[in-house]
Amino acid sequence: MRQRKSTVLIWMLAVSVVTSACGGAASGTVDKPKEETPTADPAAQPAELVIYDTTGEKLELLMDKYGNKLKERFPK
């Protein structure tokens, strides 16, 4: 009985050492939040949308499905 308790204790210690080594930041470093710089309204900034097509459709078909509708909804 005593040997079983010591075996369980050793296993618990080993598991806790292994799991504690796997997480957290590197020693001596502290994660600091990035300071955000004040910018203009993000909605006013120009954006670029890239659509990757893996179906092999022609560009005209893609523009009919997505491109023209997006251009109508979000003009320059």
N, C-alpha and C. Protein backbone atom coordinates (compact mmCIF):
# COMPACT_ATOMS: atom_id res chain seq x y z
N MET A 1 0.83 -1.19 0.00
CA MET A 1 0.00 0.00 0.00
C MET A 1 0.87 1.26 0.00
N ARG A 2 1.91 1.26 0.83
CA ARG A 2 2.80 2.41 0.90
C ARG A 2 3.54 2.61 -0.42
N GLN A 3 3.93 1.51 -1.06
CA GLN A 3 4.65 1.61 -2.33
C GLN A 3 3.71 2.17 -3.40
N ARG A 4 2.45 1.81 -3.36
CA ARG A 4 1.49 2.30 -4.36
C ARG A 4 1.30 3.80 -4.21
N LYS A 5 1.22 4.30 -2.97
CA LYS A 5 1.07 5.74 -2.74
C LYS A 5 2.28 6.50 -3.25
N SER A 6 3.46 5.97 -3.02
CA SER A 6 4.66 6.67 -3.48
C SER A 6 4.75 6.64 -5.01
N THR A 7 4.31 5.55 -5.62
CA THR A 7 4.31 5.46 -7.08
C THR A 7 3.34 6.49 -7.68
N VAL A 8 2.16 6.59 -7.09
CA VAL A 8 1.18 7.56 -7.56
C VAL A 8 1.71 8.98 -7.38
N LEU A 9 2.34 9.25 -6.26
CA LEU A 9 2.91 10.57 -5.99
C LEU A 9 4.00 10.93 -7.00
N ILE A 10 4.85 9.97 -7.31
CA ILE A 10 5.92 10.21 -8.29
C ILE A 10 5.33 10.49 -9.66
N TRP A 11 4.31 9.74 -10.07
CA TRP A 11 3.68 9.97 -11.37
C TRP A 11 3.01 11.33 -11.42
N MET A 12 2.34 11.71 -10.34
CA MET A 12 1.69 13.03 -10.31
C MET A 12 2.73 14.13 -10.41
N LEU A 13 3.84 13.97 -9.74
CA LEU A 13 4.91 14.96 -9.80
C LEU A 13 5.49 15.05 -11.21
N ALA A 14 5.71 13.90 -11.83
CA ALA A 14 6.26 13.88 -13.19
C ALA A 14 5.31 14.53 -14.19
N VAL A 15 4.02 14.24 -14.08
CA VAL A 15 3.05 14.84 -14.98
C VAL A 15 2.98 16.34 -14.77
N SER A 16 3.02 16.80 -13.53
CA SER A 16 2.96 18.24 -13.28
C SER A 16 4.20 18.96 -13.81
N VAL A 17 5.36 18.35 -13.72
CA VAL A 17 6.58 18.96 -14.24
C VAL A 17 6.51 19.06 -15.76
N VAL A 18 6.06 18.00 -16.41
CA VAL A 18 5.98 18.00 -17.87
C VAL A 18 4.96 19.02 -18.36
N THR A 19 3.80 19.08 -17.74
CA THR A 19 2.78 20.02 -18.20
C THR A 19 3.15 21.46 -17.89
N SER A 20 3.84 21.71 -16.81
CA SER A 20 4.23 23.08 -16.51
C SER A 20 5.33 23.56 -17.44
N ALA A 21 6.12 22.67 -17.98
CA ALA A 21 7.18 23.05 -18.90
C ALA A 21 6.63 23.38 -20.28
N CYS A 22 5.42 22.94 -20.58
CA CYS A 22 4.87 23.13 -21.92
C CYS A 22 4.15 24.46 -22.11
N GLY A 23 3.80 25.15 -21.06
CA GLY A 23 3.00 26.35 -21.22
C GLY A 23 3.71 27.60 -20.76
N GLY A 24 3.07 28.74 -21.06
CA GLY A 24 3.58 30.02 -20.58
C GLY A 24 4.61 30.64 -21.48
N ALA A 25 4.99 31.85 -21.11
CA ALA A 25 5.98 32.59 -21.87
C ALA A 25 7.38 32.15 -21.46
N ALA A 26 8.35 32.53 -22.26
CA ALA A 26 9.73 32.20 -21.94
C ALA A 26 10.12 32.89 -20.64
N SER A 27 11.01 32.27 -19.92
CA SER A 27 11.39 32.83 -18.62
C SER A 27 12.04 34.19 -18.79
N GLY A 28 11.65 35.12 -17.94
CA GLY A 28 12.22 36.45 -17.98
C GLY A 28 11.52 37.40 -18.92
N THR A 29 10.52 36.94 -19.65
CA THR A 29 9.82 37.83 -20.56
C THR A 29 8.38 38.01 -20.09
N VAL A 30 7.86 39.16 -20.38
CA VAL A 30 6.49 39.47 -20.02
C VAL A 30 5.78 39.92 -21.29
N ASP A 31 4.62 39.34 -21.56
CA ASP A 31 3.86 39.73 -22.73
C ASP A 31 3.24 41.10 -22.48
N LYS A 32 3.67 42.07 -23.27
CA LYS A 32 3.13 43.42 -23.15
C LYS A 32 2.11 43.65 -24.26
N PRO A 33 1.00 44.28 -23.94
CA PRO A 33 0.04 44.57 -25.01
C PRO A 33 0.63 45.60 -25.97
N LYS A 34 0.33 45.41 -27.23
CA LYS A 34 0.83 46.34 -28.24
C LYS A 34 0.09 47.66 -28.11
N GLU A 35 0.85 48.72 -28.16
CA GLU A 35 0.23 50.04 -28.10
C GLU A 35 -0.30 50.39 -29.48
N GLU A 36 -1.57 50.71 -29.52
CA GLU A 36 -2.18 51.05 -30.79
C GLU A 36 -1.97 52.53 -31.07
N THR A 37 -1.61 52.81 -32.30
CA THR A 37 -1.44 54.19 -32.70
C THR A 37 -2.78 54.71 -33.19
N PRO A 38 -3.12 55.93 -32.83
CA PRO A 38 -4.41 56.46 -33.29
C PRO A 38 -4.37 56.67 -34.80
N THR A 39 -5.37 56.16 -35.47
CA THR A 39 -5.46 56.30 -36.91
C THR A 39 -6.82 56.85 -37.28
N ALA A 40 -6.96 57.17 -38.53
CA ALA A 40 -8.25 57.65 -39.03
C ALA A 40 -9.24 56.49 -39.02
N ASP A 41 -10.46 56.81 -39.35
CA ASP A 41 -11.51 55.81 -39.37
C ASP A 41 -11.13 54.66 -40.31
N PRO A 42 -11.08 53.42 -39.80
CA PRO A 42 -10.68 52.30 -40.66
C PRO A 42 -11.63 52.09 -41.83
N ALA A 43 -12.88 52.46 -41.68
CA ALA A 43 -13.82 52.29 -42.79
C ALA A 43 -13.49 53.21 -43.95
N ALA A 44 -12.80 54.30 -43.67
CA ALA A 44 -12.43 55.25 -44.72
C ALA A 44 -11.16 54.83 -45.44
N GLN A 45 -10.44 53.87 -44.90
CA GLN A 45 -9.19 53.41 -45.50
C GLN A 45 -9.50 52.52 -46.69
N PRO A 46 -8.73 52.62 -47.77
CA PRO A 46 -8.96 51.72 -48.91
C PRO A 46 -8.58 50.28 -48.54
N ALA A 47 -9.28 49.34 -49.10
CA ALA A 47 -9.02 47.94 -48.82
C ALA A 47 -8.95 47.17 -50.13
N GLU A 48 -8.26 46.07 -50.11
CA GLU A 48 -8.13 45.23 -51.29
C GLU A 48 -8.66 43.85 -50.94
N LEU A 49 -9.51 43.32 -51.78
CA LEU A 49 -10.08 41.99 -51.59
C LEU A 49 -9.52 41.07 -52.66
N VAL A 50 -8.96 39.96 -52.22
CA VAL A 50 -8.39 38.98 -53.14
C VAL A 50 -9.20 37.70 -53.00
N ILE A 51 -9.70 37.19 -54.12
CA ILE A 51 -10.45 35.95 -54.12
C ILE A 51 -9.63 34.89 -54.84
N TYR A 52 -9.34 33.82 -54.13
CA TYR A 52 -8.60 32.71 -54.72
C TYR A 52 -9.60 31.66 -55.19
N ASP A 53 -9.48 31.30 -56.44
CA ASP A 53 -10.41 30.34 -57.03
C ASP A 53 -9.67 29.04 -57.32
N THR A 54 -10.20 27.96 -56.81
CA THR A 54 -9.60 26.66 -57.07
C THR A 54 -10.47 25.81 -57.98
N THR A 55 -11.56 26.39 -58.49
CA THR A 55 -12.45 25.62 -59.34
C THR A 55 -12.04 25.65 -60.80
N GLY A 56 -11.23 26.61 -61.20
CA GLY A 56 -10.80 26.70 -62.58
C GLY A 56 -11.78 27.45 -63.46
N GLU A 57 -12.74 28.15 -62.88
CA GLU A 57 -13.71 28.91 -63.67
C GLU A 57 -13.02 30.10 -64.32
N LYS A 58 -13.61 30.59 -65.39
CA LYS A 58 -13.07 31.76 -66.06
C LYS A 58 -13.34 33.01 -65.23
N LEU A 59 -12.54 34.01 -65.46
CA LEU A 59 -12.65 35.27 -64.72
C LEU A 59 -14.02 35.92 -64.92
N GLU A 60 -14.56 35.82 -66.10
CA GLU A 60 -15.87 36.43 -66.38
C GLU A 60 -16.96 35.80 -65.51
N LEU A 61 -16.90 34.49 -65.31
CA LEU A 61 -17.89 33.81 -64.47
C LEU A 61 -17.75 34.23 -63.01
N LEU A 62 -16.52 34.36 -62.57
CA LEU A 62 -16.29 34.81 -61.19
C LEU A 62 -16.78 36.24 -60.98
N MET A 63 -16.53 37.08 -61.97
CA MET A 63 -17.00 38.46 -61.86
C MET A 63 -18.52 38.52 -61.83
N ASP A 64 -19.18 37.66 -62.63
CA ASP A 64 -20.64 37.62 -62.62
C ASP A 64 -21.17 37.15 -61.27
N LYS A 65 -20.50 36.16 -60.69
CA LYS A 65 -20.96 35.61 -59.40
C LYS A 65 -20.69 36.55 -58.24
N TYR A 66 -19.48 37.10 -58.18
CA TYR A 66 -19.06 37.84 -56.99
C TYR A 66 -18.63 39.29 -57.27
N GLY A 67 -17.78 39.45 -58.25
CA GLY A 67 -17.12 40.73 -58.46
C GLY A 67 -18.05 41.89 -58.73
N ASN A 68 -18.98 41.73 -59.66
CA ASN A 68 -19.88 42.83 -60.00
C ASN A 68 -20.79 43.20 -58.84
N LYS A 69 -21.24 42.21 -58.10
CA LYS A 69 -22.09 42.48 -56.94
C LYS A 69 -21.31 43.21 -55.84
N LEU A 70 -20.06 42.82 -55.66
CA LEU A 70 -19.23 43.51 -54.66
C LEU A 70 -18.94 44.95 -55.08
N LYS A 71 -18.70 45.14 -56.37
CA LYS A 71 -18.44 46.51 -56.86
C LYS A 71 -19.67 47.40 -56.70
N GLU A 72 -20.88 46.83 -56.90
CA GLU A 72 -22.10 47.60 -56.69
C GLU A 72 -22.29 47.96 -55.22
N ARG A 73 -22.02 47.01 -54.37
CA ARG A 73 -22.24 47.21 -52.94
C ARG A 73 -21.19 48.13 -52.32
N PHE A 74 -19.95 48.01 -52.76
CA PHE A 74 -18.85 48.79 -52.20
C PHE A 74 -18.13 49.54 -53.30
N PRO A 75 -18.69 50.66 -53.79
CA PRO A 75 -18.00 51.42 -54.82
C PRO A 75 -16.77 52.11 -54.22
N LYS A 76 -15.88 52.53 -55.08
CA LYS A 76 -14.65 53.19 -54.62
C LYS A 76 -14.91 54.48 -53.94
